[in-house]
Amino acid sequence: MTTVSVANAKSHLSELIAKSAYAHERFIITKRDKPVAALVSLEDLQIIEQHEERQGLASLVGQWKDFEEVGEQISDLHQLRKDAGTRKDVSL
């Protein structure tokens, strides 16, 4: 990821937004050389949020007594989604 100061980000905001939206570049915004924010495309943000949701549900499963099978099913679903479209279609 590219690091950009707040001042530089202000000066080139339109350019940074275009690079983020269309080229999926990610930027770390810094203030006094310390990271304070990030600029990512909406598509990347949705991917991040989906990942957080999956992890949130999976972490709850571990707290439920006697529900190990739910965790296994969630893991199976995650693998099926990951493999989607990569397997041979055998339907008639």
N, C-alpha and C. Protein backbone atom coordinates (compact mmCIF):
# COMPACT_ATOMS: atom_id res chain seq x y z
N MET A 1 0.83 -1.18 0.00
CA MET A 1 0.00 0.00 0.00
C MET A 1 0.87 1.24 0.00
N THR A 2 0.39 2.23 -0.68
CA THR A 2 1.10 3.50 -0.77
C THR A 2 0.75 4.38 0.43
N THR A 3 1.73 5.04 0.99
CA THR A 3 1.53 5.96 2.10
C THR A 3 1.47 7.38 1.57
N VAL A 4 0.47 8.14 2.05
CA VAL A 4 0.26 9.52 1.60
C VAL A 4 -0.02 10.39 2.83
N SER A 5 0.62 11.53 2.89
CA SER A 5 0.35 12.45 4.01
C SER A 5 -1.03 13.08 3.84
N VAL A 6 -1.58 13.57 4.93
CA VAL A 6 -2.88 14.23 4.88
C VAL A 6 -2.83 15.41 3.91
N ALA A 7 -1.76 16.19 4.00
CA ALA A 7 -1.64 17.37 3.12
C ALA A 7 -1.61 16.94 1.65
N ASN A 8 -0.85 15.91 1.34
CA ASN A 8 -0.77 15.42 -0.03
C ASN A 8 -2.11 14.83 -0.47
N ALA A 9 -2.79 14.14 0.44
CA ALA A 9 -4.10 13.58 0.12
C ALA A 9 -5.11 14.67 -0.20
N LYS A 10 -5.05 15.76 0.56
CA LYS A 10 -5.95 16.89 0.28
C LYS A 10 -5.68 17.47 -1.10
N SER A 11 -4.43 17.61 -1.45
CA SER A 11 -4.06 18.20 -2.73
C SER A 11 -4.42 17.31 -3.92
N HIS A 12 -4.42 16.00 -3.71
CA HIS A 12 -4.61 15.06 -4.82
C HIS A 12 -5.79 14.11 -4.58
N LEU A 13 -6.79 14.57 -3.85
CA LEU A 13 -7.89 13.70 -3.46
C LEU A 13 -8.59 13.06 -4.66
N SER A 14 -8.90 13.84 -5.67
CA SER A 14 -9.60 13.29 -6.84
C SER A 14 -8.78 12.19 -7.51
N GLU A 15 -7.50 12.40 -7.63
CA GLU A 15 -6.61 11.41 -8.24
C GLU A 15 -6.55 10.13 -7.40
N LEU A 16 -6.44 10.29 -6.08
CA LEU A 16 -6.38 9.13 -5.20
C LEU A 16 -7.68 8.33 -5.24
N ILE A 17 -8.80 9.04 -5.27
CA ILE A 17 -10.10 8.37 -5.35
C ILE A 17 -10.21 7.58 -6.65
N ALA A 18 -9.80 8.18 -7.75
CA ALA A 18 -9.85 7.49 -9.04
C ALA A 18 -8.98 6.25 -9.03
N LYS A 19 -7.78 6.36 -8.51
CA LYS A 19 -6.88 5.19 -8.45
C LYS A 19 -7.46 4.10 -7.55
N SER A 20 -8.08 4.52 -6.47
CA SER A 20 -8.68 3.55 -5.55
C SER A 20 -9.89 2.87 -6.19
N ALA A 21 -10.76 3.66 -6.80
CA ALA A 21 -11.99 3.12 -7.37
C ALA A 21 -11.76 2.25 -8.59
N TYR A 22 -10.88 2.68 -9.48
CA TYR A 22 -10.73 2.00 -10.77
C TYR A 22 -9.54 1.06 -10.85
N ALA A 23 -8.47 1.34 -10.13
CA ALA A 23 -7.29 0.48 -10.16
C ALA A 23 -7.16 -0.35 -8.87
N HIS A 24 -8.11 -0.17 -7.96
CA HIS A 24 -8.12 -0.88 -6.68
C HIS A 24 -6.82 -0.68 -5.89
N GLU A 25 -6.23 0.51 -6.03
CA GLU A 25 -5.07 0.83 -5.20
C GLU A 25 -5.56 1.21 -3.81
N ARG A 26 -4.76 0.89 -2.82
CA ARG A 26 -5.10 1.23 -1.44
C ARG A 26 -4.07 2.21 -0.91
N PHE A 27 -4.54 3.16 -0.13
CA PHE A 27 -3.66 4.21 0.39
C PHE A 27 -3.79 4.31 1.90
N ILE A 28 -2.66 4.46 2.56
CA ILE A 28 -2.61 4.74 3.99
C ILE A 28 -2.38 6.24 4.12
N ILE A 29 -3.28 6.90 4.82
CA ILE A 29 -3.16 8.35 5.05
C ILE A 29 -2.43 8.54 6.38
N THR A 30 -1.38 9.37 6.35
CA THR A 30 -0.59 9.59 7.56
C THR A 30 -0.65 11.04 8.01
N LYS A 31 -0.48 11.21 9.30
CA LYS A 31 -0.38 12.54 9.89
C LYS A 31 0.84 12.51 10.79
N ARG A 32 1.80 13.34 10.46
CA ARG A 32 3.08 13.35 11.18
C ARG A 32 3.72 11.96 11.16
N ASP A 33 3.70 11.36 10.00
CA ASP A 33 4.30 10.04 9.74
C ASP A 33 3.66 8.89 10.51
N LYS A 34 2.46 9.09 11.04
CA LYS A 34 1.75 8.02 11.72
C LYS A 34 0.46 7.71 10.95
N PRO A 35 0.18 6.43 10.68
CA PRO A 35 -1.04 6.08 9.95
C PRO A 35 -2.28 6.46 10.74
N VAL A 36 -3.23 7.14 10.08
CA VAL A 36 -4.45 7.56 10.76
C VAL A 36 -5.72 7.11 10.03
N ALA A 37 -5.60 6.76 8.74
CA ALA A 37 -6.77 6.35 7.96
C ALA A 37 -6.32 5.59 6.73
N ALA A 38 -7.30 5.02 6.04
CA ALA A 38 -7.01 4.31 4.80
C ALA A 38 -8.05 4.68 3.76
N LEU A 39 -7.64 4.65 2.50
CA LEU A 39 -8.53 4.90 1.38
C LEU A 39 -8.56 3.64 0.53
N VAL A 40 -9.74 3.01 0.45
CA VAL A 40 -9.91 1.79 -0.34
C VAL A 40 -11.16 1.94 -1.18
N SER A 41 -11.29 1.13 -2.22
CA SER A 41 -12.48 1.17 -3.07
C SER A 41 -13.67 0.59 -2.28
N LEU A 42 -14.87 0.91 -2.74
CA LEU A 42 -16.06 0.35 -2.09
C LEU A 42 -16.08 -1.17 -2.22
N GLU A 43 -15.62 -1.68 -3.34
CA GLU A 43 -15.56 -3.12 -3.54
C GLU A 43 -14.64 -3.78 -2.51
N ASP A 44 -13.48 -3.18 -2.28
CA ASP A 44 -12.55 -3.70 -1.27
C ASP A 44 -13.15 -3.61 0.13
N LEU A 45 -13.86 -2.53 0.41
CA LEU A 45 -14.50 -2.37 1.72
C LEU A 45 -15.55 -3.45 1.93
N GLN A 46 -16.33 -3.77 0.90
CA GLN A 46 -17.34 -4.82 1.03
C GLN A 46 -16.69 -6.17 1.31
N ILE A 47 -15.57 -6.44 0.67
CA ILE A 47 -14.84 -7.70 0.92
C ILE A 47 -14.36 -7.75 2.37
N ILE A 48 -13.84 -6.64 2.86
CA ILE A 48 -13.37 -6.56 4.25
C ILE A 48 -14.53 -6.79 5.21
N GLU A 49 -15.67 -6.15 4.95
CA GLU A 49 -16.83 -6.28 5.83
C GLU A 49 -17.39 -7.71 5.81
N GLN A 50 -17.42 -8.35 4.64
CA GLN A 50 -17.89 -9.74 4.56
C GLN A 50 -16.97 -10.65 5.36
N HIS A 51 -15.67 -10.41 5.28
CA HIS A 51 -14.71 -11.21 6.04
C HIS A 51 -14.95 -11.03 7.54
N GLU A 52 -15.21 -9.81 7.96
CA GLU A 52 -15.47 -9.55 9.38
C GLU A 52 -16.74 -10.26 9.84
N GLU A 53 -17.79 -10.26 9.00
CA GLU A 53 -19.04 -10.91 9.35
C GLU A 53 -18.83 -12.41 9.52
N ARG A 54 -18.09 -13.03 8.59
CA ARG A 54 -17.84 -14.47 8.68
C ARG A 54 -17.06 -14.79 9.95
N GLN A 55 -16.06 -14.00 10.23
CA GLN A 55 -15.26 -14.26 11.43
C GLN A 55 -16.11 -14.05 12.67
N GLY A 56 -17.00 -13.07 12.64
CA GLY A 56 -17.85 -12.81 13.80
C GLY A 56 -18.74 -13.98 14.12
N LEU A 57 -19.39 -14.56 13.10
CA LEU A 57 -20.27 -15.70 13.31
C LEU A 57 -19.47 -16.92 13.76
N ALA A 58 -18.35 -17.16 13.14
CA ALA A 58 -17.52 -18.31 13.51
C ALA A 58 -17.03 -18.18 14.94
N SER A 59 -16.71 -16.98 15.38
CA SER A 59 -16.23 -16.82 16.75
C SER A 59 -17.34 -17.07 17.76
N LEU A 60 -18.59 -16.77 17.39
CA LEU A 60 -19.71 -17.05 18.28
C LEU A 60 -19.93 -18.54 18.45
N VAL A 61 -19.75 -19.29 17.37
CA VAL A 61 -19.95 -20.73 17.42
C VAL A 61 -19.08 -21.35 18.50
N GLY A 62 -17.86 -20.89 18.61
CA GLY A 62 -16.95 -21.44 19.61
C GLY A 62 -17.41 -21.21 21.03
N GLN A 63 -18.29 -20.25 21.24
CA GLN A 63 -18.77 -19.94 22.59
C GLN A 63 -20.01 -20.74 22.95
N TRP A 64 -20.67 -21.37 21.97
CA TRP A 64 -21.87 -22.15 22.25
C TRP A 64 -21.49 -23.55 22.68
N LYS A 65 -21.95 -23.93 23.83
CA LYS A 65 -21.65 -25.27 24.34
C LYS A 65 -22.39 -26.32 23.51
N ASP A 66 -21.69 -27.39 23.16
CA ASP A 66 -22.25 -28.53 22.43
C ASP A 66 -22.71 -28.19 21.00
N PHE A 67 -22.13 -27.19 20.37
CA PHE A 67 -22.51 -26.83 19.00
C PHE A 67 -21.31 -26.87 18.06
N GLU A 68 -20.43 -27.84 18.26
CA GLU A 68 -19.25 -27.94 17.39
C GLU A 68 -19.64 -28.17 15.94
N GLU A 69 -20.75 -28.93 15.73
CA GLU A 69 -21.16 -29.24 14.36
C GLU A 69 -21.55 -27.99 13.58
N VAL A 70 -22.03 -26.96 14.26
CA VAL A 70 -22.36 -25.71 13.57
C VAL A 70 -21.09 -25.08 13.02
N GLY A 71 -20.03 -25.10 13.80
CA GLY A 71 -18.74 -24.57 13.34
C GLY A 71 -18.23 -25.34 12.14
N GLU A 72 -18.40 -26.66 12.15
CA GLU A 72 -17.97 -27.48 11.02
C GLU A 72 -18.77 -27.14 9.77
N GLN A 73 -20.08 -26.92 9.93
CA GLN A 73 -20.92 -26.59 8.78
C GLN A 73 -20.56 -25.22 8.21
N ILE A 74 -20.27 -24.27 9.07
CA ILE A 74 -19.85 -22.95 8.59
C ILE A 74 -18.55 -23.07 7.84
N SER A 75 -17.64 -23.86 8.34
CA SER A 75 -16.36 -24.08 7.65
C SER A 75 -16.59 -24.73 6.30
N ASP A 76 -17.51 -25.71 6.24
CA ASP A 76 -17.84 -26.37 4.97
C ASP A 76 -18.43 -25.37 3.98
N LEU A 77 -19.32 -24.51 4.45
CA LEU A 77 -19.92 -23.50 3.57
C LEU A 77 -18.86 -22.55 3.03
N HIS A 78 -17.95 -22.15 3.90
CA HIS A 78 -16.87 -21.25 3.48
C HIS A 78 -16.05 -21.91 2.38
N GLN A 79 -15.74 -23.20 2.53
CA GLN A 79 -14.95 -23.90 1.52
C GLN A 79 -15.74 -24.05 0.22
N LEU A 80 -17.04 -24.33 0.31
CA LEU A 80 -17.86 -24.44 -0.90
C LEU A 80 -17.90 -23.12 -1.66
N ARG A 81 -18.04 -22.01 -0.94
CA ARG A 81 -18.04 -20.70 -1.59
C ARG A 81 -16.69 -20.41 -2.24
N LYS A 82 -15.64 -20.81 -1.56
CA LYS A 82 -14.29 -20.60 -2.08
C LYS A 82 -14.08 -21.40 -3.36
N ASP A 83 -14.63 -22.61 -3.41
CA ASP A 83 -14.47 -23.49 -4.57
C ASP A 83 -15.49 -23.22 -5.68
N ALA A 84 -16.44 -22.35 -5.45
CA ALA A 84 -17.52 -22.13 -6.43
C ALA A 84 -16.97 -21.80 -7.80
N GLY A 85 -17.46 -22.50 -8.78
CA GLY A 85 -17.06 -22.25 -10.15
C GLY A 85 -15.78 -22.92 -10.57
N THR A 86 -15.10 -23.60 -9.66
CA THR A 86 -13.83 -24.23 -10.02
C THR A 86 -13.99 -25.72 -10.26
N ARG A 87 -15.17 -26.24 -10.01
CA ARG A 87 -15.39 -27.68 -10.19
C ARG A 87 -16.13 -27.95 -11.48
N LYS A 88 -16.02 -29.16 -11.96
CA LYS A 88 -16.63 -29.57 -13.21
C LYS A 88 -18.14 -29.74 -13.01
N ASP A 89 -18.94 -29.22 -13.94
CA ASP A 89 -20.38 -29.36 -13.91
C ASP A 89 -20.76 -30.74 -14.41
N VAL A 90 -21.43 -31.53 -13.57
CA VAL A 90 -21.81 -32.88 -13.96
C VAL A 90 -23.32 -33.03 -14.06
N SER A 91 -24.05 -31.93 -14.04
CA SER A 91 -25.52 -32.01 -14.14
C SER A 91 -25.91 -32.44 -15.55
N LEU A 92 -27.07 -33.11 -15.63
CA LEU A 92 -27.57 -33.60 -16.92
C LEU A 92 -28.55 -32.64 -17.53
